[in-house]
C-alpha atoms as a PDB file:
ATOM      1  CA  MET A   1     234.951 -18.342 -34.017  1.00  0.00           C
ATOM      2  CA  SER A   2     231.574 -18.286 -31.791  1.00  0.00           C
ATOM      3  CA  SER A   3     229.376 -16.518 -34.584  1.00  0.00           C
ATOM      4  CA  LEU A   4     230.061 -19.685 -36.838  1.00  0.00           C
ATOM      5  CA  LEU A   5     229.245 -21.702 -33.947  1.00  0.00           C
ATOM      6  CA  LEU A   6     225.822 -20.301 -33.995  1.00  0.00           C
ATOM      7  CA  VAL A   7     225.228 -20.420 -37.441  1.00  0.00           C
ATOM      8  CA  ASN A   8     226.455 -23.895 -37.451  1.00  0.00           C
ATOM      9  CA  GLN A   9     223.772 -24.390 -34.948  1.00  0.00           C
ATOM     10  CA  ALA A  10     220.959 -22.530 -36.046  1.00  0.00           C
ATOM     11  CA  SER A  11     221.623 -24.119 -39.506  1.00  0.00           C
ATOM     12  CA  PHE A  12     221.497 -28.062 -37.516  1.00  0.00           C
ATOM     13  CA  ILE A  13     218.143 -26.453 -35.711  1.00  0.00           C
ATOM     14  CA  GLY A  14     217.171 -25.201 -39.088  1.00  0.00           C
ATOM     15  CA  THR A  15     217.652 -28.800 -40.546  1.00  0.00           C
ATOM     16  CA  VAL A  16     215.931 -30.847 -37.731  1.00  0.00           C
ATOM     17  CA  VAL A  17     212.896 -28.663 -37.688  1.00  0.00           C
ATOM     18  CA  PHE A  18     212.472 -28.750 -41.658  1.00  0.00           C
ATOM     19  CA  LYS A  19     212.944 -32.549 -41.269  1.00  0.00           C
ATOM     20  CA  ILE A  20     210.218 -32.894 -38.259  1.00  0.00           C
ATOM     21  CA  ILE A  21     207.842 -30.451 -40.445  1.00  0.00           C
ATOM     22  CA  ILE A  22     208.185 -32.562 -43.869  1.00  0.00           C
ATOM     23  CA  THR A  23     207.161 -35.739 -41.632  1.00  0.00           C
ATOM     24  CA  VAL A  24     204.548 -34.580 -40.124  1.00  0.00           C
ATOM     25  CA  LEU A  25     203.046 -33.178 -43.652  1.00  0.00           C
ATOM     26  CA  ALA A  26     204.400 -36.522 -44.598  1.00  0.00           C
ATOM     27  CA  VAL A  27     202.141 -38.174 -42.260  1.00  0.00           C
ATOM     28  CA  VAL A  28     199.340 -35.901 -42.539  1.00  0.00           C
ATOM     29  CA  ILE A  29     199.408 -36.729 -45.909  1.00  0.00           C
ATOM     30  CA  ILE A  30     199.379 -40.607 -45.279  1.00  0.00           C
ATOM     31  CA  ILE A  31     196.009 -40.070 -42.894  1.00  0.00           C
ATOM     32  CA  ILE A  32     194.143 -37.741 -45.268  1.00  0.00           C
ATOM     33  CA  LEU A  33     195.008 -40.459 -48.565  1.00  0.00           C
ATOM     34  CA  PHE A  34     194.326 -43.369 -46.222  1.00  0.00           C
ATOM     35  CA  TYR A  35     190.525 -41.644 -45.120  1.00  0.00           C
ATOM     36  CA  ARG A  36     189.733 -40.628 -48.160  1.00  0.00           C
ATOM     37  CA  ARG A  37     190.937 -44.272 -49.564  1.00  0.00           C
ATOM     38  CA  ARG A  38     188.449 -45.550 -46.503  1.00  0.00           C
ATOM     39  CA  ARG A  39     185.735 -43.346 -47.553  1.00  0.00           C
ATOM     40  CA  TYR A  40     185.636 -44.384 -51.148  1.00  0.00           C
ATOM     41  CA  ASN A  41     185.740 -47.762 -50.430  1.00  0.00           C
ATOM     42  CA  ARG A  42     182.779 -47.291 -48.136  1.00  0.00           C
ATOM     43  CA  SER A  43     181.138 -45.481 -50.847  1.00  0.00           C
ATOM     44  CA  LEU A  44     181.722 -47.752 -53.041  1.00  0.00           C
ATOM     45  CA  LYS A  45     180.503 -50.695 -50.637  1.00  0.00           C
ATOM     46  CA  GLU A  46     176.986 -48.481 -50.114  1.00  0.00           C
ATOM     47  CA  ARG A  47     176.896 -48.485 -54.300  1.00  0.00           C
ATOM     48  CA  ASN A  48     177.509 -51.803 -54.909  1.00  0.00           C
ATOM     49  CA  LEU A  49     174.943 -52.704 -51.723  1.00  0.00           C
ATOM     50  CA  PHE A  50     172.164 -50.394 -53.758  1.00  0.00           C
ATOM     51  CA  THR A  51     172.845 -51.749 -57.325  1.00  0.00           C
ATOM     52  CA  ARG A  52     172.315 -55.352 -56.139  1.00  0.00           C
ATOM     53  CA  GLN A  53     169.111 -54.237 -54.315  1.00  0.00           C
ATOM     54  CA  LEU A  54     167.871 -52.625 -57.225  1.00  0.00           C
ATOM     55  CA  ILE A  55     168.507 -55.360 -59.443  1.00  0.00           C
ATOM     56  CA  ASP A  56     166.946 -57.675 -57.119  1.00  0.00           C
ATOM     57  CA  SER A  57     163.735 -55.064 -56.985  1.00  0.00           C
ATOM     58  CA  MET A  58     163.237 -54.746 -60.632  1.00  0.00           C
ATOM     59  CA  GLU A  59     163.945 -58.575 -60.903  1.00  0.00           C
ATOM     60  CA  ALA A  60     160.912 -58.632 -58.366  1.00  0.00           C
ATOM     61  CA  GLU A  61     158.422 -56.507 -60.267  1.00  0.00           C
ATOM     62  CA  ARG A  62     159.239 -58.442 -63.719  1.00  0.00           C
ATOM     63  CA  LYS A  63     158.268 -61.368 -61.600  1.00  0.00           C
ATOM     64  CA  ARG A  64     155.176 -59.500 -59.865  1.00  0.00           C
ATOM     65  CA  ILE A  65     154.286 -58.048 -63.302  1.00  0.00           C
ATOM     66  CA  ALA A  66     154.504 -61.748 -64.607  1.00  0.00           C
ATOM     67  CA  ALA A  67     152.275 -63.176 -61.782  1.00  0.00           C
ATOM     68  CA  GLU A  68     149.795 -60.388 -62.989  1.00  0.00           C
ATOM     69  CA  LEU A  69     149.493 -61.163 -66.302  1.00  0.00           C
ATOM     70  CA  HIS A  70     149.498 -64.549 -66.159  1.00  0.00           C
ATOM     71  CA  ASP A  71     147.023 -64.834 -62.890  1.00  0.00           C
ATOM     72  CA  SER A  72     144.221 -62.385 -64.720  1.00  0.00           C
ATOM     73  CA  ILE A  73     144.366 -61.773 -67.942  1.00  0.00           C
ATOM     74  CA  GLY A  74     146.081 -65.485 -68.925  1.00  0.00           C
ATOM     75  CA  GLN A  75     143.351 -66.684 -66.834  1.00  0.00           C
ATOM     76  CA  ASP A  76     140.400 -64.925 -68.507  1.00  0.00           C
ATOM     77  CA  LEU A  77     142.111 -65.731 -72.060  1.00  0.00           C
ATOM     78  CA  LEU A  78     141.535 -69.340 -71.147  1.00  0.00           C
ATOM     79  CA  ILE A  79     137.846 -68.684 -69.863  1.00  0.00           C
ATOM     80  CA  ILE A  80     137.046 -66.915 -73.257  1.00  0.00           C
ATOM     81  CA  LYS A  81     138.979 -69.688 -75.224  1.00  0.00           C
ATOM     82  CA  ASN A  82     136.766 -72.369 -73.371  1.00  0.00           C
ATOM     83  CA  ARG A  83     133.331 -70.336 -73.327  1.00  0.00           C
ATOM     84  CA  ALA A  84     133.924 -70.208 -77.163  1.00  0.00           C
ATOM     85  CA  LEU A  85     134.086 -73.532 -77.356  1.00  0.00           C
ATOM     86  CA  LEU A  86     131.269 -74.651 -75.379  1.00  0.00           C
ATOM     87  CA  ALA A  87     129.161 -71.878 -77.914  1.00  0.00           C
ATOM     88  CA  LEU A  88     130.607 -73.456 -81.083  1.00  0.00           C
ATOM     89  CA  ASN A  89     129.493 -77.142 -79.627  1.00  0.00           C
ATOM     90  CA  GLY A  90     125.736 -75.848 -78.914  1.00  0.00           C
ATOM     91  CA  LEU A  91     124.997 -74.203 -81.863  1.00  0.00           C
ATOM     92  CA  LYS A  92     122.032 -75.993 -82.157  1.00  0.00           C
ATOM     93  CA  ASP A  93     120.521 -74.495 -78.710  1.00  0.00           C
ATOM     94  CA  LYS A  94     120.434 -70.182 -78.857  1.00  0.00           C
ATOM     95  CA  LYS A  95     119.902 -70.055 -75.116  1.00  0.00           C
ATOM     96  CA  VAL A  96     123.390 -72.098 -74.580  1.00  0.00           C
ATOM     97  CA  VAL A  97     124.990 -69.643 -77.535  1.00  0.00           C
ATOM     98  CA  LYS A  98     123.711 -66.430 -75.584  1.00  0.00           C
ATOM     99  CA  GLU A  99     124.882 -67.646 -71.904  1.00  0.00           C
ATOM    100  CA  GLN A 100     128.522 -68.457 -73.706  1.00  0.00           C
ATOM    101  CA  LEU A 101     128.207 -64.891 -75.408  1.00  0.00           C
ATOM    102  CA  ASN A 102     127.500 -63.468 -72.260  1.00  0.00           C
ATOM    103  CA  GLU A 103     129.839 -64.931 -70.173  1.00  0.00           C
ATOM    104  CA  ILE A 104     132.517 -64.088 -73.122  1.00  0.00           C
ATOM    105  CA  SER A 105     131.701 -60.578 -73.044  1.00  0.00           C
ATOM    106  CA  ILE A 106     131.745 -59.991 -69.191  1.00  0.00           C
ATOM    107  CA  THR A 107     135.090 -61.598 -68.896  1.00  0.00           C
ATOM    108  CA  ALA A 108     136.738 -59.601 -71.892  1.00  0.00           C
ATOM    109  CA  SER A 109     136.074 -56.152 -70.330  1.00  0.00           C
ATOM    110  CA  GLN A 110     137.410 -57.630 -66.749  1.00  0.00           C
ATOM    111  CA  ALA A 111     140.792 -58.462 -68.802  1.00  0.00           C
ATOM    112  CA  ILE A 112     140.507 -55.275 -70.506  1.00  0.00           C
ATOM    113  CA  ARG A 113     139.749 -53.680 -66.956  1.00  0.00           C
ATOM    114  CA  GLU A 114     143.218 -55.894 -65.393  1.00  0.00           C
ATOM    115  CA  ALA A 115     145.404 -55.190 -69.064  1.00  0.00           C
ATOM    116  CA  ARG A 116     144.903 -51.002 -68.068  1.00  0.00           C
ATOM    117  CA  GLU A 117     145.646 -51.508 -64.798  1.00  0.00           C
ATOM    118  CA  ILE A 118     148.922 -53.412 -65.731  1.00  0.00           C
ATOM    119  CA  THR A 119     149.593 -51.053 -67.980  1.00  0.00           C
ATOM    120  CA  ASN A 120     149.395 -47.924 -66.056  1.00  0.00           C
ATOM    121  CA  ASN A 121     151.570 -49.525 -63.574  1.00  0.00           C
ATOM    122  CA  LEU A 122     154.253 -49.474 -66.122  1.00  0.00           C
ATOM    123  CA  ARG A 123     153.089 -45.970 -67.486  1.00  0.00           C
ATOM    124  CA  PRO A 124     150.363 -44.178 -66.561  1.00  0.00           C
ATOM    125  CA  TYR A 125     148.441 -42.641 -69.254  1.00  0.00           C
ATOM    126  CA  GLN A 126     147.110 -39.435 -67.606  1.00  0.00           C
ATOM    127  CA  ILE A 127     150.471 -37.747 -67.560  1.00  0.00           C
ATOM    128  CA  ASP A 128     150.498 -38.002 -71.864  1.00  0.00           C
ATOM    129  CA  ARG A 129     146.534 -37.540 -71.876  1.00  0.00           C
ATOM    130  CA  LEU A 130     145.717 -35.258 -68.846  1.00  0.00           C
ATOM    131  CA  GLY A 131     149.084 -33.906 -67.893  1.00  0.00           C
ATOM    132  CA  LEU A 132     151.291 -34.118 -64.171  1.00  0.00           C
ATOM    133  CA  LYS A 133     149.206 -32.216 -61.804  1.00  0.00           C
ATOM    134  CA  LYS A 134     146.265 -34.676 -62.674  1.00  0.00           C
ATOM    135  CA  SER A 135     148.449 -37.318 -62.815  1.00  0.00           C
ATOM    136  CA  ILE A 136     150.012 -36.938 -59.013  1.00  0.00           C
ATOM    137  CA  GLU A 137     145.939 -35.878 -57.937  1.00  0.00           C
ATOM    138  CA  SER A 138     145.014 -39.499 -59.388  1.00  0.00           C
ATOM    139  CA  ILE A 139     147.378 -40.971 -57.570  1.00  0.00           C
ATOM    140  CA  ILE A 140     146.447 -39.072 -54.428  1.00  0.00           C
ATOM    141  CA  GLU A 141     142.644 -39.659 -55.202  1.00  0.00           C
ATOM    142  CA  ARG A 142     143.116 -43.627 -55.380  1.00  0.00           C
ATOM    143  CA  ALA A 143     144.848 -43.659 -52.368  1.00  0.00           C
ATOM    144  CA  ALA A 144     142.025 -42.050 -50.660  1.00  0.00           C
ATOM    145  CA  ARG A 145     139.680 -44.612 -52.568  1.00  0.00           C
ATOM    146  CA  THR A 146     141.376 -47.734 -51.646  1.00  0.00           C
ATOM    147  CA  THR A 147     143.166 -47.250 -48.126  1.00  0.00           C
ATOM    148  CA  THR A 148     141.369 -46.129 -44.579  1.00  0.00           C
ATOM    149  CA  ILE A 149     144.391 -42.850 -44.940  1.00  0.00           C
ATOM    150  CA  SER A 150     142.600 -39.232 -45.623  1.00  0.00           C
ATOM    151  CA  PHE A 151     144.109 -38.515 -48.159  1.00  0.00           C
ATOM    152  CA  THR A 152     144.611 -34.437 -49.496  1.00  0.00           C
ATOM    153  CA  SER A 153     146.368 -32.537 -51.390  1.00  0.00           C
ATOM    154  CA  ASP A 154     147.172 -29.243 -52.670  1.00  0.00           C
ATOM    155  CA  ILE A 155     148.348 -28.823 -55.735  1.00  0.00           C
ATOM    156  CA  ASP A 156     149.826 -26.044 -58.137  1.00  0.00           C
ATOM    157  CA  PRO A 157     149.599 -25.878 -61.859  1.00  0.00           C
ATOM    158  CA  ILE A 158     152.456 -27.699 -62.845  1.00  0.00           C
ATOM    159  CA  ASP A 159     152.236 -28.884 -66.335  1.00  0.00           C
ATOM    160  CA  ASN A 160     154.988 -28.019 -68.845  1.00  0.00           C
ATOM    161  CA  LEU A 161     156.937 -27.132 -66.013  1.00  0.00           C
ATOM    162  CA  ILE A 162     160.254 -29.985 -66.240  1.00  0.00           C
ATOM    163  CA  PRO A 163     160.347 -31.666 -70.219  1.00  0.00           C
ATOM    164  CA  LYS A 164     158.075 -34.147 -70.830  1.00  0.00           C
ATOM    165  CA  GLU A 165     160.518 -37.150 -70.412  1.00  0.00           C
ATOM    166  CA  MET A 166     161.360 -35.828 -66.608  1.00  0.00           C
ATOM    167  CA  GLU A 167     157.550 -35.515 -65.972  1.00  0.00           C
ATOM    168  CA  ILE A 168     157.419 -39.675 -64.921  1.00  0.00           C
ATOM    169  CA  HIS A 169     159.989 -39.169 -62.309  1.00  0.00           C
ATOM    170  CA  VAL A 170     158.298 -36.887 -60.093  1.00  0.00           C
ATOM    171  CA  TYR A 171     154.729 -38.997 -61.141  1.00  0.00           C
ATOM    172  CA  ARG A 172     156.840 -42.009 -59.648  1.00  0.00           C
ATOM    173  CA  ILE A 173     158.977 -40.280 -57.021  1.00  0.00           C
ATOM    174  CA  ILE A 174     155.132 -38.972 -55.337  1.00  0.00           C
ATOM    175  CA  GLN A 175     153.507 -42.721 -56.054  1.00  0.00           C
ATOM    176  CA  GLU A 176     156.514 -44.116 -53.887  1.00  0.00           C
ATOM    177  CA  CYS A 177     156.281 -41.312 -51.259  1.00  0.00           C
ATOM    178  CA  VAL A 178     152.513 -42.124 -51.265  1.00  0.00           C
ATOM    179  CA  ASN A 179     152.624 -46.066 -51.383  1.00  0.00           C
ATOM    180  CA  ASN A 180     154.936 -45.326 -48.425  1.00  0.00           C
ATOM    181  CA  ILE A 181     152.765 -43.782 -46.517  1.00  0.00           C
ATOM    182  CA  ILE A 182     150.053 -46.581 -47.083  1.00  0.00           C
ATOM    183  CA  LYS A 183     152.677 -49.872 -46.609  1.00  0.00           C
ATOM    184  CA  HIS A 184     154.614 -48.468 -43.672  1.00  0.00           C
ATOM    185  CA  ALA A 185     153.462 -45.922 -41.835  1.00  0.00           C
ATOM    186  CA  ASP A 186     150.165 -46.400 -40.237  1.00  0.00           C
ATOM    187  CA  ALA A 187     148.800 -43.169 -40.430  1.00  0.00           C
ATOM    188  CA  ASN A 188     145.350 -41.636 -40.476  1.00  0.00           C
ATOM    189  CA  ALA A 189     146.028 -38.871 -42.863  1.00  0.00           C
ATOM    190  CA  GLY A 190     147.911 -37.906 -45.409  1.00  0.00           C
ATOM    191  CA  LYS A 191     149.097 -34.690 -47.536  1.00  0.00           C
ATOM    192  CA  VAL A 192     150.510 -33.965 -50.719  1.00  0.00           C
ATOM    193  CA  THR A 193     151.583 -30.685 -51.919  1.00  0.00           C
ATOM    194  CA  VAL A 194     153.451 -28.965 -54.568  1.00  0.00           C
ATOM    195  CA  LYS A 195     153.905 -25.056 -55.246  1.00  0.00           C
ATOM    196  CA  ARG A 196     155.471 -23.366 -57.126  1.00  0.00           C
ATOM    197  CA  TRP A 197     158.307 -21.195 -56.812  1.00  0.00           C
ATOM    198  CA  PHE A 198     159.871 -18.939 -59.699  1.00  0.00           C
ATOM    199  CA  ASN A 199     162.226 -21.642 -61.182  1.00  0.00           C
ATOM    200  CA  ARG A 200     161.115 -24.115 -58.357  1.00  0.00           C
ATOM    201  CA  LEU A 201     159.032 -26.591 -57.847  1.00  0.00           C
ATOM    202  CA  ASN A 202     158.831 -27.595 -53.966  1.00  0.00           C
ATOM    203  CA  ILE A 203     156.699 -30.785 -52.737  1.00  0.00           C
ATOM    204  CA  ASP A 204     155.878 -31.554 -49.769  1.00  0.00           C
ATOM    205  CA  ILE A 205     154.760 -35.204 -48.737  1.00  0.00           C
ATOM    206  CA  GLU A 206     153.651 -35.500 -44.767  1.00  0.00           C
ATOM    207  CA  ASP A 207     151.674 -37.997 -42.588  1.00  0.00           C
ATOM    208  CA  ASP A 208     150.704 -38.297 -38.844  1.00  0.00           C
ATOM    209  CA  GLY A 209     152.283 -41.993 -38.695  1.00  0.00           C
ATOM    210  CA  THR A 210     154.426 -44.260 -36.779  1.00  0.00           C
ATOM    211  CA  GLY A 211     157.551 -42.508 -38.395  1.00  0.00           C
ATOM    212  CA  PHE A 212     160.681 -44.241 -38.668  1.00  0.00           C
ATOM    213  CA  ASP A 213     164.945 -43.034 -38.102  1.00  0.00           C
ATOM    214  CA  VAL A 214     166.144 -41.859 -41.565  1.00  0.00           C
ATOM    215  CA  LEU A 215     169.575 -43.562 -41.140  1.00  0.00           C
ATOM    216  CA  SER A 216     168.928 -47.213 -40.428  1.00  0.00           C
ATOM    217  CA  GLN A 217     166.178 -47.137 -42.242  1.00  0.00           C
ATOM    218  CA  LYS A 218     168.852 -46.294 -45.713  1.00  0.00           C
ATOM    219  CA  THR A 219     170.298 -49.853 -46.103  1.00  0.00           C
ATOM    220  CA  LYS A 220     167.447 -51.643 -44.805  1.00  0.00           C
ATOM    221  CA  ASN A 221     164.241 -53.724 -45.835  1.00  0.00           C
ATOM    222  CA  ASP A 222     161.807 -52.193 -48.800  1.00  0.00           C
ATOM    223  CA  ARG A 223     161.226 -48.716 -46.976  1.00  0.00           C
ATOM    224  CA  GLY A 224     165.182 -48.583 -47.428  1.00  0.00           C
ATOM    225  CA  ILE A 225     165.011 -49.298 -51.367  1.00  0.00           C
ATOM    226  CA  GLY A 226     162.267 -47.162 -51.999  1.00  0.00           C
ATOM    227  CA  ILE A 227     163.812 -44.333 -49.852  1.00  0.00           C
ATOM    228  CA  GLN A 228     167.203 -44.702 -52.653  1.00  0.00           C
ATOM    229  CA  GLY A 229     165.456 -45.165 -55.475  1.00  0.00           C
ATOM    230  CA  ILE A 230     163.899 -42.016 -54.921  1.00  0.00           C
ATOM    231  CA  MET A 231     167.082 -39.778 -53.862  1.00  0.00           C
ATOM    232  CA  GLU A 232     168.401 -41.468 -57.173  1.00  0.00           C
ATOM    233  CA  ARG A 233     165.571 -40.221 -59.353  1.00  0.00           C
ATOM    234  CA  ILE A 234     165.896 -36.490 -57.521  1.00  0.00           C
ATOM    235  CA  ASN A 235     169.506 -36.986 -58.362  1.00  0.00           C
ATOM    236  CA  PHE A 236     168.726 -37.056 -62.098  1.00  0.00           C
ATOM    237  CA  LEU A 237     166.480 -34.156 -61.778  1.00  0.00           C
ATOM    238  CA  GLY A 238     169.161 -32.132 -60.230  1.00  0.00           C
ATOM    239  CA  GLY A 239     167.135 -32.177 -56.965  1.00  0.00           C
ATOM    240  CA  THR A 240     167.361 -32.189 -53.271  1.00  0.00           C
ATOM    241  CA  ILE A 241     165.643 -34.049 -51.226  1.00  0.00           C
ATOM    242  CA  ARG A 242     165.193 -33.924 -47.006  1.00  0.00           C
ATOM    243  CA  ILE A 243     163.461 -36.254 -44.769  1.00  0.00           C
ATOM    244  CA  GLU A 244     162.127 -35.187 -41.379  1.00  0.00           C
ATOM    245  CA  SER A 245     160.901 -38.320 -39.473  1.00  0.00           C
ATOM    246  CA  ASN A 246     161.170 -39.634 -35.938  1.00  0.00           C
ATOM    247  CA  PRO A 247     159.401 -42.840 -34.393  1.00  0.00           C
ATOM    248  CA  GLY A 248     156.355 -42.229 -33.404  1.00  0.00           C
ATOM    249  CA  ARG A 249     156.394 -38.092 -34.498  1.00  0.00           C
ATOM    250  CA  GLY A 250     155.127 -39.328 -38.443  1.00  0.00           C
ATOM    251  CA  THR A 251     157.187 -38.260 -41.603  1.00  0.00           C
ATOM    252  CA  ARG A 252     157.448 -35.458 -43.579  1.00  0.00           C
ATOM    253  CA  VAL A 253     159.824 -35.759 -46.964  1.00  0.00           C
ATOM    254  CA  LEU A 254     160.625 -32.345 -48.609  1.00  0.00           C
ATOM    255  CA  ILE A 255     161.832 -31.952 -52.266  1.00  0.00           C
ATOM    256  CA  THR A 256     162.892 -29.406 -54.366  1.00  0.00           C
ATOM    257  CA  ILE A 257     163.393 -29.356 -58.084  1.00  0.00           C
ATOM    258  CA  LYS A 258     164.477 -27.195 -60.605  1.00  0.00           C
ATOM    259  CA  THR A 259     162.046 -25.995 -63.397  1.00  0.00           C
ATOM    260  CA  TYR A 260     165.041 -23.723 -64.880  1.00  0.00           C
ATOM    261  CA  ASP A 261     163.136 -20.635 -66.207  1.00  0.00           C
ATOM    262  CA  ARG A 262     160.893 -18.239 -64.050  1.00  0.00           C
ATOM    263  CA  ILE A 263     157.344 -19.262 -63.256  1.00  0.00           C
ATOM    264  CA  ASP A 264     155.340 -16.314 -63.428  1.00  0.00           C
ATOM    265  CA  ASP A 265     151.929 -16.547 -61.572  1.00  0.00           C
END
């Protein structure tokens, strides 16, 4: 009788323990699902925010290009038209015709330069004609020439290490980083280093500027959009990025991109 009672007690205790374990597991699963759902919603919200920012940025870029076309090339073409009409109306006066044709030539040359500048911003011709290495060097040279920041570079031969259609992403990544130094860093010096290492392309961009709080800038202002744009391109290339920055201590951007093939020096 006593043994039967013990068996019943053990069975009861086992059932209670089993129910407690099941209940605890159910609660744990619910909590895990809740936080996963919450994390998913937050991630979805961040993606939607970035998409809106990206669309706004694209529209702003289209607006900028349209304004450049209207204000520069459009005005130049208008001047050429008016000069041509003046020349036609003054055909009997060779001096007037010569002056107008000379002005037309000068304005046309200016329009050609401006058209090249606009098209170069859309698709840099250096990549197709000169290769990725010289294209990146041209970014640094232009930045050093047009700003008070002392830019330097150390770039290995990197042409044909990645597919041609992907080279533009490397170019734009470096261009955006250099533009961030110019627009935001308040720096005296900046340096771009690009090194080959086996099946890796290592990019190191640093400045001695004011620095910033990396986390807070990911969802704020133009720099935040710029950083996310860089990250999107790096993800597309299958690379990685690490940003080291603190207020007052400059910024360093470290990027690694796979080249898939071994690179022998």
